[in-house]
Amino acid sequence: MAKWKGCIVEESLDDNRVLNDIDVLKIRITTEKRPEKRWHIYNSVLSEREINRIHRHLKKGWYMHFWKGAKMIVLFKGRRFVIKKKR
């Protein structure tokens, strides 16, 4: 089954250990001068089950989105939206 693609900001999670269990394609660290302002961005592919697990650790005030084909899942703390692109 095809997996969902997305980017996860480590700082958006209340427990970054959940990143140990996902398929990470690339990690990028932003270049702000102050280290505490830098983001660690994980380009990943995830199953829907993995997305649900990551979602439980998303902090308030942050969001994530994942896409597969014409569908997109958008996650906020306690909220989930599935959007389908019209053809």
Protein backbone atom coordinates (compact mmCIF):
# COMPACT_ATOMS: atom_id res chain seq x y z
CA MET A 1 0.00 0.00 0.00
CA ALA A 2 1.30 3.47 -0.87
CA LYS A 3 2.49 5.62 2.00
CA TRP A 4 1.88 9.27 2.75
CA LYS A 5 4.62 11.87 2.20
CA GLY A 6 5.18 14.80 4.51
CA CYS A 7 7.51 16.94 6.56
CA ILE A 8 7.62 16.77 10.34
CA VAL A 9 9.12 19.56 12.43
CA GLU A 10 10.74 17.94 15.46
CA GLU A 11 10.02 21.01 17.61
CA SER A 12 6.27 20.55 16.96
CA LEU A 13 6.24 17.30 18.95
CA ASP A 14 5.90 16.84 22.70
CA ASP A 15 7.96 13.62 22.44
CA ASN A 16 10.48 13.44 19.62
CA ARG A 17 11.12 9.72 20.24
CA VAL A 18 8.19 8.95 17.92
CA LEU A 19 10.52 9.92 15.07
CA ASN A 20 12.63 6.82 15.77
CA ASP A 21 9.93 4.57 14.32
CA ILE A 22 9.30 6.26 10.96
CA ASP A 23 10.97 6.12 7.55
CA VAL A 24 12.97 9.36 7.25
CA LEU A 25 14.20 10.28 3.78
CA LYS A 26 16.06 13.45 4.67
CA ILE A 27 16.69 15.72 7.66
CA ARG A 28 17.15 19.45 7.24
CA ILE A 29 18.09 21.93 9.97
CA THR A 30 17.21 25.57 9.45
CA THR A 31 20.05 28.09 9.63
CA GLU A 32 18.95 30.62 12.26
CA LYS A 33 21.93 32.05 14.16
CA ARG A 34 20.49 31.17 17.57
CA PRO A 35 20.40 27.37 17.96
CA GLU A 36 17.19 27.45 20.02
CA LYS A 37 15.40 29.06 17.03
CA ARG A 38 16.41 26.32 14.57
CA TRP A 39 13.93 23.73 13.31
CA HIS A 40 14.78 20.10 12.54
CA ILE A 41 12.64 19.09 9.56
CA TYR A 42 12.19 15.41 8.70
CA ASN A 43 11.06 14.55 5.16
CA SER A 44 9.28 11.26 5.70
CA VAL A 45 6.97 8.62 4.30
CA LEU A 46 4.43 7.20 6.72
CA SER A 47 1.55 4.76 6.89
CA GLU A 48 -1.78 6.05 8.15
CA ARG A 49 -1.14 4.22 11.43
CA GLU A 50 2.17 6.06 11.85
CA ILE A 51 0.46 9.38 11.08
CA ASN A 52 -2.09 8.68 13.82
CA ARG A 53 0.71 7.94 16.29
CA ILE A 54 2.63 11.12 15.41
CA HIS A 55 -0.62 13.13 15.63
CA ARG A 56 -1.03 12.23 19.32
CA HIS A 57 2.26 14.04 20.02
CA LEU A 58 1.58 17.25 18.08
CA LYS A 59 1.79 20.37 20.26
CA LYS A 60 -0.92 23.02 20.31
CA GLY A 61 -0.22 25.83 17.85
CA TRP A 62 1.47 23.57 15.29
CA TYR A 63 0.18 21.66 12.28
CA MET A 64 1.36 18.95 9.90
CA HIS A 65 0.21 17.82 6.51
CA PHE A 66 0.77 14.68 4.50
CA TRP A 67 -0.17 13.88 0.92
CA LYS A 68 -0.74 10.83 -1.25
CA GLY A 69 -2.01 11.21 -4.80
CA ALA A 70 -4.98 13.60 -4.81
CA LYS A 71 -5.52 13.38 -1.03
CA MET A 72 -4.07 15.43 1.80
CA ILE A 73 -4.31 14.93 5.55
CA VAL A 74 -3.97 18.11 7.62
CA LEU A 75 -3.44 17.74 11.37
CA PHE A 76 -3.80 20.20 14.22
CA LYS A 77 -3.78 19.33 17.93
CA GLY A 78 -6.99 17.32 18.38
CA ARG A 79 -8.20 17.92 14.80
CA ARG A 80 -7.83 16.03 11.54
CA PHE A 81 -8.97 17.04 8.06
CA VAL A 82 -8.85 15.00 4.86
CA ILE A 83 -8.90 17.03 1.67
CA LYS A 84 -9.33 15.62 -1.80
CA LYS A 85 -8.20 17.56 -4.84
CA LYS A 86 -10.87 18.11 -7.45
CA ARG A 87 -9.98 17.02 -10.94
